[in-house]
Amino acid sequence: MLGEDGRAGASKAPGGERDPAVLAGMTWAGVAAALRDPSSSVAQGVDGAANVIMAAICTITGNQPSAVCSSPTIRGLEARL
């Protein structure tokens, strides 16, 4: 997917940015530590991307599983896909 600027890997999807540059220079341990901190750009990016993926899955499965697909975040993202 291309981003708004036309670069691969810099796409902006509703609910989360997926820019691999946030991982530049980080070790595996550094990434793991960043994922444990919900305020970090790494954790926010991964969480946002996961939410977009879940919204897409909910769209194609008829909103199943309902425990996930009925969340306000996922419902809002589904409407934007």
Protein backbone atom coordinates (compact mmCIF):
# COMPACT_ATOMS: atom_id res chain seq x y z
CA MET A 1 0.00 0.00 0.00
CA LEU A 2 1.26 3.47 -0.84
CA GLY A 3 0.99 6.37 1.54
CA GLU A 4 -0.45 9.76 0.80
CA ASP A 5 3.06 10.81 -0.16
CA GLY A 6 3.37 7.92 -2.64
CA ARG A 7 5.98 5.99 -0.64
CA ALA A 8 5.53 2.31 0.12
CA GLY A 9 5.41 1.52 3.82
CA ALA A 10 4.36 5.02 4.79
CA SER A 11 0.66 4.45 4.37
CA LYS A 12 -1.84 6.05 6.64
CA ALA A 13 -4.81 3.89 7.41
CA PRO A 14 -7.72 4.97 9.52
CA GLY A 15 -6.80 4.47 13.13
CA GLY A 16 -3.08 4.01 12.84
CA GLU A 17 0.00 4.91 10.96
CA ARG A 18 2.32 2.19 9.79
CA ASP A 19 5.67 3.82 9.26
CA PRO A 20 8.59 1.45 9.66
CA ALA A 21 10.91 4.41 10.26
CA VAL A 22 9.78 4.45 13.90
CA LEU A 23 11.75 1.20 14.30
CA ALA A 24 14.93 2.52 12.67
CA GLY A 25 17.97 1.91 14.82
CA MET A 26 16.05 0.00 17.48
CA THR A 27 17.18 -3.38 18.79
CA TRP A 28 14.71 -6.22 19.29
CA ALA A 29 14.86 -5.51 23.03
CA GLY A 30 14.15 -1.83 22.36
CA VAL A 31 11.12 -2.69 20.25
CA ALA A 32 9.86 -5.06 22.95
CA ALA A 33 10.29 -2.36 25.59
CA ALA A 34 8.47 0.18 23.42
CA LEU A 35 5.58 -2.23 22.90
CA ARG A 36 5.15 -2.45 26.69
CA ASP A 37 4.67 1.33 26.85
CA PRO A 38 1.23 2.19 25.41
CA SER A 39 2.24 5.84 25.00
CA SER A 40 5.18 5.02 22.70
CA SER A 41 4.89 5.66 18.97
CA VAL A 42 5.83 2.02 18.34
CA ALA A 43 3.01 0.65 20.52
CA GLN A 44 0.49 3.15 19.18
CA GLY A 45 1.40 2.31 15.59
CA VAL A 46 1.15 -1.43 16.15
CA ASP A 47 -2.13 -1.08 18.06
CA GLY A 48 -3.61 1.16 15.37
CA ALA A 49 -2.53 -1.20 12.59
CA ALA A 50 -3.96 -4.18 14.49
CA ASN A 51 -7.27 -2.36 14.89
CA VAL A 52 -7.44 -1.67 11.15
CA ILE A 53 -6.73 -5.33 10.40
CA MET A 54 -9.43 -6.40 12.87
CA ALA A 55 -11.92 -3.99 11.28
CA ALA A 56 -11.18 -5.50 7.87
CA ILE A 57 -11.64 -9.02 9.25
CA CYS A 58 -14.93 -7.99 10.87
CA THR A 59 -16.10 -6.56 7.56
CA ILE A 60 -15.50 -9.80 5.68
CA THR A 61 -16.82 -12.11 8.44
CA GLY A 62 -20.12 -10.35 8.95
CA ASN A 63 -18.92 -8.84 12.23
CA GLN A 64 -17.78 -12.06 13.83
CA PRO A 65 -16.61 -12.52 16.51
CA SER A 66 -19.11 -10.07 17.90
CA ALA A 67 -17.11 -9.55 21.12
CA VAL A 68 -14.40 -7.87 19.05
CA CYS A 69 -16.40 -6.49 16.15
CA SER A 70 -18.92 -4.65 18.32
CA SER A 71 -16.32 -2.43 19.97
CA PRO A 72 -16.74 1.27 19.16
CA THR A 73 -13.18 1.50 17.84
CA ILE A 74 -13.62 -1.36 15.39
CA ARG A 75 -17.10 -0.18 14.31
CA GLY A 76 -15.74 3.30 13.61
CA LEU A 77 -12.86 1.91 11.59
CA GLU A 78 -15.14 -0.39 9.60
CA ALA A 79 -17.12 2.63 8.47
CA ARG A 80 -13.93 4.22 7.16
CA LEU A 81 -12.56 1.22 5.25
